[in-house]
């Protein structure tokens, strides 16, 4: 069993991998994102990939699981949730990719 600091570090690394590469989970976008012009959508995806403004105020648990980006005047949130592999229940072990499916959701702030 991992200690709390090791678990948090592992979760943050897995979340960063998904956010920076769009690999290691599923990526979902909301209708508000889907309705934007393609070039704006691509710029939002790039901004999420490059996000690194994690602070105690916006990342109190240190898991790198939520952020805000503004692209072309459009405020967007992204968040990462942890599910079992059937996407039915929350994962009991978010630090263990063998039993966890990460879902990155990108949405307009107004949809949150």
N, C-alpha and C. Protein backbone atom coordinates (compact mmCIF):
# COMPACT_ATOMS: atom_id res chain seq x y z
N UNK A 1 0.83 -1.18 0.00
CA UNK A 1 0.00 0.00 0.00
C UNK A 1 0.89 1.25 0.00
N UNK A 2 0.54 2.23 -0.84
CA UNK A 2 1.31 3.45 -0.95
C UNK A 2 0.94 4.43 0.16
N UNK A 3 1.92 5.22 0.62
CA UNK A 3 1.58 6.25 1.59
C UNK A 3 0.87 7.39 0.88
N UNK A 4 0.29 8.31 1.64
CA UNK A 4 -0.54 9.38 1.08
C UNK A 4 0.25 10.24 0.10
N UNK A 5 1.46 10.65 0.44
CA UNK A 5 2.26 11.50 -0.45
C UNK A 5 2.61 10.77 -1.74
N UNK A 6 2.97 9.50 -1.64
CA UNK A 6 3.30 8.71 -2.83
C UNK A 6 2.06 8.52 -3.70
N UNK A 7 0.92 8.26 -3.07
CA UNK A 7 -0.33 8.10 -3.81
C UNK A 7 -0.68 9.38 -4.55
N UNK A 8 -0.58 10.53 -3.89
CA UNK A 8 -0.90 11.81 -4.52
C UNK A 8 0.04 12.08 -5.69
N UNK A 9 1.31 11.81 -5.51
CA UNK A 9 2.30 12.01 -6.58
C UNK A 9 1.98 11.13 -7.78
N UNK A 10 1.61 9.88 -7.54
CA UNK A 10 1.27 8.94 -8.61
C UNK A 10 0.00 9.41 -9.34
N UNK A 11 -1.02 9.84 -8.60
CA UNK A 11 -2.26 10.34 -9.20
C UNK A 11 -1.97 11.56 -10.06
N UNK A 12 -1.18 12.50 -9.55
CA UNK A 12 -0.85 13.71 -10.31
C UNK A 12 -0.11 13.35 -11.59
N UNK A 13 0.82 12.40 -11.52
CA UNK A 13 1.57 11.99 -12.72
C UNK A 13 0.65 11.36 -13.76
N UNK A 14 -0.26 10.51 -13.32
CA UNK A 14 -1.20 9.89 -14.25
C UNK A 14 -2.14 10.93 -14.85
N UNK A 15 -2.58 11.89 -14.04
CA UNK A 15 -3.44 12.96 -14.54
C UNK A 15 -2.69 13.84 -15.53
N UNK A 16 -1.44 14.17 -15.22
CA UNK A 16 -0.64 14.99 -16.14
C UNK A 16 -0.45 14.26 -17.47
N UNK A 17 -0.19 12.97 -17.42
CA UNK A 17 -0.01 12.20 -18.65
C UNK A 17 -1.26 12.27 -19.52
N UNK A 18 -2.42 12.10 -18.92
CA UNK A 18 -3.67 12.16 -19.69
C UNK A 18 -3.86 13.56 -20.27
N UNK A 19 -3.68 14.57 -19.46
CA UNK A 19 -3.92 15.95 -19.90
C UNK A 19 -2.90 16.40 -20.95
N UNK A 20 -1.67 16.01 -20.80
CA UNK A 20 -0.61 16.47 -21.71
C UNK A 20 -0.52 15.67 -23.00
N UNK A 21 -1.01 14.44 -23.00
CA UNK A 21 -0.87 13.59 -24.18
C UNK A 21 -2.20 13.06 -24.71
N UNK A 22 -3.27 13.21 -23.91
CA UNK A 22 -4.57 12.64 -24.23
C UNK A 22 -4.48 11.13 -24.38
N UNK A 23 -3.57 10.53 -23.61
CA UNK A 23 -3.37 9.09 -23.57
C UNK A 23 -3.48 8.64 -22.11
N UNK A 24 -4.10 7.49 -21.89
CA UNK A 24 -4.21 6.95 -20.54
C UNK A 24 -5.58 7.16 -19.93
N UNK A 25 -6.57 7.38 -20.78
CA UNK A 25 -7.93 7.58 -20.30
C UNK A 25 -8.84 7.98 -21.44
N UNK A 26 -9.97 8.54 -21.09
CA UNK A 26 -10.94 8.99 -22.08
C UNK A 26 -11.03 10.51 -22.01
N UNK A 27 -11.33 11.13 -23.15
CA UNK A 27 -11.48 12.58 -23.21
C UNK A 27 -12.90 12.87 -23.69
N UNK A 28 -13.57 13.70 -22.94
CA UNK A 28 -14.95 14.08 -23.27
C UNK A 28 -15.01 15.60 -23.43
N UNK A 29 -15.82 16.04 -24.36
CA UNK A 29 -16.09 17.47 -24.50
C UNK A 29 -17.59 17.66 -24.42
N UNK A 30 -17.99 18.82 -23.97
CA UNK A 30 -19.40 19.13 -23.79
C UNK A 30 -19.95 19.81 -25.05
N UNK A 31 -21.26 19.91 -25.17
CA UNK A 31 -21.85 20.59 -26.33
C UNK A 31 -21.33 22.02 -26.51
N UNK A 32 -21.06 22.71 -25.42
CA UNK A 32 -20.55 24.08 -25.54
C UNK A 32 -19.19 24.14 -26.21
N UNK A 33 -18.37 23.15 -26.00
CA UNK A 33 -17.07 23.06 -26.68
C UNK A 33 -17.28 22.61 -28.12
N UNK A 34 -18.13 21.61 -28.31
CA UNK A 34 -18.36 21.06 -29.65
C UNK A 34 -18.95 22.09 -30.60
N UNK A 35 -19.67 23.09 -30.08
CA UNK A 35 -20.29 24.11 -30.92
C UNK A 35 -19.33 25.21 -31.34
N UNK A 36 -18.14 25.23 -30.77
CA UNK A 36 -17.16 26.27 -31.13
C UNK A 36 -16.51 25.95 -32.46
N UNK A 37 -15.97 26.96 -33.14
CA UNK A 37 -15.23 26.69 -34.39
C UNK A 37 -14.06 25.73 -34.12
N UNK A 38 -13.73 24.95 -35.12
CA UNK A 38 -12.69 23.93 -34.97
C UNK A 38 -11.36 24.52 -34.51
N UNK A 39 -10.97 25.67 -35.06
CA UNK A 39 -9.69 26.24 -34.66
C UNK A 39 -9.70 26.66 -33.19
N UNK A 40 -10.84 27.09 -32.68
CA UNK A 40 -10.95 27.44 -31.25
C UNK A 40 -10.88 26.17 -30.41
N UNK A 41 -11.55 25.13 -30.85
CA UNK A 41 -11.49 23.86 -30.13
C UNK A 41 -10.04 23.37 -30.04
N UNK A 42 -9.33 23.41 -31.16
CA UNK A 42 -7.94 22.96 -31.16
C UNK A 42 -7.08 23.80 -30.22
N UNK A 43 -7.31 25.10 -30.20
CA UNK A 43 -6.56 25.98 -29.30
C UNK A 43 -6.88 25.67 -27.84
N UNK A 44 -8.11 25.32 -27.55
CA UNK A 44 -8.49 24.93 -26.18
C UNK A 44 -7.78 23.63 -25.79
N UNK A 45 -7.78 22.64 -26.69
CA UNK A 45 -7.08 21.39 -26.40
C UNK A 45 -5.60 21.65 -26.13
N UNK A 46 -5.00 22.53 -26.92
CA UNK A 46 -3.58 22.87 -26.72
C UNK A 46 -3.39 23.54 -25.36
N UNK A 47 -4.28 24.48 -25.00
CA UNK A 47 -4.16 25.18 -23.73
C UNK A 47 -4.29 24.22 -22.54
N UNK A 48 -5.18 23.24 -22.65
CA UNK A 48 -5.32 22.24 -21.59
C UNK A 48 -4.03 21.41 -21.49
N UNK A 49 -3.48 21.02 -22.63
CA UNK A 49 -2.24 20.24 -22.64
C UNK A 49 -1.10 21.00 -21.96
N UNK A 50 -1.05 22.30 -22.19
CA UNK A 50 0.07 23.10 -21.69
C UNK A 50 -0.17 23.70 -20.30
N UNK A 51 -1.33 23.48 -19.74
CA UNK A 51 -1.67 24.06 -18.44
C UNK A 51 -0.68 23.60 -17.37
N UNK A 52 -0.17 24.55 -16.59
CA UNK A 52 0.73 24.18 -15.50
C UNK A 52 0.62 25.14 -14.31
N UNK A 53 -0.48 25.81 -14.18
CA UNK A 53 -0.69 26.82 -13.14
C UNK A 53 -1.30 26.20 -11.88
N UNK A 54 -0.69 25.14 -11.37
CA UNK A 54 -1.20 24.48 -10.18
C UNK A 54 -0.67 25.18 -8.94
N UNK A 55 -1.58 25.58 -8.06
CA UNK A 55 -1.23 26.24 -6.81
C UNK A 55 -2.00 25.58 -5.68
N UNK A 56 -1.65 25.92 -4.46
CA UNK A 56 -2.38 25.42 -3.30
C UNK A 56 -3.85 25.85 -3.37
N UNK A 57 -4.10 27.05 -3.92
CA UNK A 57 -5.46 27.57 -3.99
C UNK A 57 -6.34 26.81 -4.98
N UNK A 58 -5.77 26.42 -6.14
CA UNK A 58 -6.60 25.76 -7.14
C UNK A 58 -6.36 24.25 -7.25
N UNK A 59 -5.41 23.74 -6.49
CA UNK A 59 -5.09 22.30 -6.50
C UNK A 59 -4.77 21.85 -5.08
N UNK A 60 -5.72 22.02 -4.14
CA UNK A 60 -5.42 21.78 -2.73
C UNK A 60 -5.02 20.35 -2.40
N UNK A 61 -5.42 19.38 -3.22
CA UNK A 61 -5.08 17.98 -2.95
C UNK A 61 -3.84 17.53 -3.72
N UNK A 62 -3.32 18.40 -4.60
CA UNK A 62 -2.10 18.09 -5.34
C UNK A 62 -2.25 17.04 -6.42
N UNK A 63 -3.48 16.80 -6.89
CA UNK A 63 -3.70 15.74 -7.86
C UNK A 63 -3.71 16.22 -9.32
N UNK A 64 -3.61 17.51 -9.55
CA UNK A 64 -3.63 18.07 -10.91
C UNK A 64 -4.86 17.58 -11.67
N UNK A 65 -6.02 17.73 -11.03
CA UNK A 65 -7.25 17.19 -11.60
C UNK A 65 -8.27 18.24 -12.06
N UNK A 66 -7.90 19.52 -12.04
CA UNK A 66 -8.84 20.57 -12.41
C UNK A 66 -8.06 21.81 -12.81
N UNK A 67 -8.58 22.54 -13.81
CA UNK A 67 -7.96 23.80 -14.19
C UNK A 67 -8.88 24.65 -15.04
N UNK A 68 -8.47 25.89 -15.23
CA UNK A 68 -9.23 26.83 -16.05
C UNK A 68 -8.29 27.42 -17.10
N UNK A 69 -8.78 27.49 -18.34
CA UNK A 69 -8.06 28.14 -19.42
C UNK A 69 -9.01 29.11 -20.11
N UNK A 70 -8.47 30.16 -20.67
CA UNK A 70 -9.25 31.11 -21.45
C UNK A 70 -8.60 31.20 -22.82
N UNK A 71 -9.38 30.91 -23.85
CA UNK A 71 -8.89 30.91 -25.22
C UNK A 71 -9.86 31.72 -26.07
N UNK A 72 -9.36 32.71 -26.78
CA UNK A 72 -10.18 33.56 -27.64
C UNK A 72 -11.39 34.10 -26.89
N UNK A 73 -11.18 34.47 -25.64
CA UNK A 73 -12.26 35.01 -24.83
C UNK A 73 -13.23 33.99 -24.27
N UNK A 74 -12.99 32.71 -24.52
CA UNK A 74 -13.87 31.64 -24.04
C UNK A 74 -13.24 31.02 -22.79
N UNK A 75 -13.94 31.14 -21.65
CA UNK A 75 -13.47 30.55 -20.40
C UNK A 75 -13.87 29.08 -20.37
N UNK A 76 -12.89 28.22 -20.10
CA UNK A 76 -13.14 26.78 -20.08
C UNK A 76 -12.56 26.17 -18.82
N UNK A 77 -13.23 25.15 -18.32
CA UNK A 77 -12.71 24.32 -17.25
C UNK A 77 -12.38 22.95 -17.82
N UNK A 78 -11.42 22.31 -17.22
CA UNK A 78 -11.16 20.90 -17.49
C UNK A 78 -11.07 20.20 -16.13
N UNK A 79 -11.50 18.96 -16.10
CA UNK A 79 -11.43 18.19 -14.85
C UNK A 79 -11.21 16.73 -15.19
N UNK A 80 -10.60 16.04 -14.26
CA UNK A 80 -10.34 14.61 -14.42
C UNK A 80 -11.04 13.87 -13.28
N UNK A 81 -11.84 12.88 -13.66
CA UNK A 81 -12.52 12.02 -12.68
C UNK A 81 -11.99 10.60 -12.83
N UNK A 82 -12.17 9.82 -11.76
CA UNK A 82 -11.64 8.45 -11.70
C UNK A 82 -12.78 7.46 -11.57
N UNK A 83 -12.85 6.52 -12.49
CA UNK A 83 -13.92 5.52 -12.51
C UNK A 83 -13.34 4.12 -12.55
N UNK A 84 -14.20 3.14 -12.24
CA UNK A 84 -13.81 1.75 -12.49
C UNK A 84 -13.82 1.57 -14.02
N UNK A 85 -13.36 0.42 -14.49
CA UNK A 85 -13.25 0.22 -15.94
C UNK A 85 -14.59 0.12 -16.66
N UNK A 86 -15.67 -0.10 -15.93
CA UNK A 86 -16.99 -0.14 -16.58
C UNK A 86 -17.60 1.26 -16.65
N UNK A 87 -16.94 2.23 -16.04
CA UNK A 87 -17.44 3.62 -15.96
C UNK A 87 -18.77 3.70 -15.21
N UNK A 88 -18.98 2.73 -14.32
CA UNK A 88 -20.21 2.69 -13.52
C UNK A 88 -20.01 3.32 -12.15
N UNK A 89 -18.86 3.07 -11.55
CA UNK A 89 -18.59 3.51 -10.19
C UNK A 89 -17.30 4.31 -10.15
N UNK A 90 -17.15 5.09 -9.11
CA UNK A 90 -15.88 5.75 -8.87
C UNK A 90 -14.82 4.72 -8.54
N UNK A 91 -13.59 5.02 -8.89
CA UNK A 91 -12.50 4.10 -8.59
C UNK A 91 -12.12 4.18 -7.12
N UNK A 92 -11.89 3.02 -6.52
CA UNK A 92 -11.41 2.96 -5.14
C UNK A 92 -9.91 3.20 -5.06
N UNK A 93 -9.21 3.10 -6.19
CA UNK A 93 -7.76 3.24 -6.22
C UNK A 93 -7.32 4.10 -7.40
N UNK A 94 -7.54 5.42 -7.35
CA UNK A 94 -7.19 6.26 -8.50
C UNK A 94 -5.69 6.28 -8.84
N UNK A 95 -4.83 5.84 -7.94
CA UNK A 95 -3.40 5.76 -8.24
C UNK A 95 -3.04 4.49 -9.00
N UNK A 96 -4.00 3.59 -9.18
CA UNK A 96 -3.73 2.31 -9.84
C UNK A 96 -4.42 2.27 -11.20
N UNK A 97 -3.67 2.47 -12.28
CA UNK A 97 -4.28 2.46 -13.61
C UNK A 97 -4.83 1.10 -14.02
N UNK A 98 -4.45 0.03 -13.32
CA UNK A 98 -4.97 -1.29 -13.65
C UNK A 98 -6.44 -1.44 -13.28
N UNK A 99 -6.93 -0.58 -12.37
CA UNK A 99 -8.33 -0.66 -11.94
C UNK A 99 -9.08 0.66 -12.14
N UNK A 100 -8.43 1.63 -12.77
CA UNK A 100 -9.01 2.97 -12.89
C UNK A 100 -9.02 3.44 -14.33
N UNK A 101 -10.14 4.00 -14.75
CA UNK A 101 -10.24 4.71 -16.02
C UNK A 101 -10.37 6.19 -15.70
N UNK A 102 -9.46 6.97 -16.22
CA UNK A 102 -9.51 8.43 -16.05
C UNK A 102 -10.37 9.01 -17.16
N UNK A 103 -11.18 10.00 -16.79
CA UNK A 103 -12.01 10.71 -17.78
C UNK A 103 -11.71 12.20 -17.63
N UNK A 104 -11.14 12.75 -18.70
CA UNK A 104 -10.87 14.18 -18.78
C UNK A 104 -12.04 14.83 -19.50
N UNK A 105 -12.71 15.76 -18.83
CA UNK A 105 -13.83 16.47 -19.42
C UNK A 105 -13.42 17.93 -19.62
N UNK A 106 -13.64 18.43 -20.83
CA UNK A 106 -13.36 19.82 -21.16
C UNK A 106 -14.69 20.48 -21.45
N UNK A 107 -14.96 21.60 -20.75
CA UNK A 107 -16.26 22.26 -20.87
C UNK A 107 -16.10 23.76 -20.82
N UNK A 108 -17.09 24.47 -21.33
CA UNK A 108 -17.13 25.91 -21.12
C UNK A 108 -17.46 26.16 -19.65
N UNK A 109 -16.90 27.21 -19.08
CA UNK A 109 -17.13 27.52 -17.67
C UNK A 109 -18.61 27.67 -17.39
N UNK A 110 -19.37 28.18 -18.35
CA UNK A 110 -20.80 28.38 -18.16
C UNK A 110 -21.58 27.07 -18.06
N UNK A 111 -20.95 25.96 -18.44
CA UNK A 111 -21.60 24.65 -18.37
C UNK A 111 -21.33 23.93 -17.06
N UNK A 112 -20.48 24.46 -16.22
CA UNK A 112 -20.08 23.77 -15.00
C UNK A 112 -21.18 23.80 -13.97
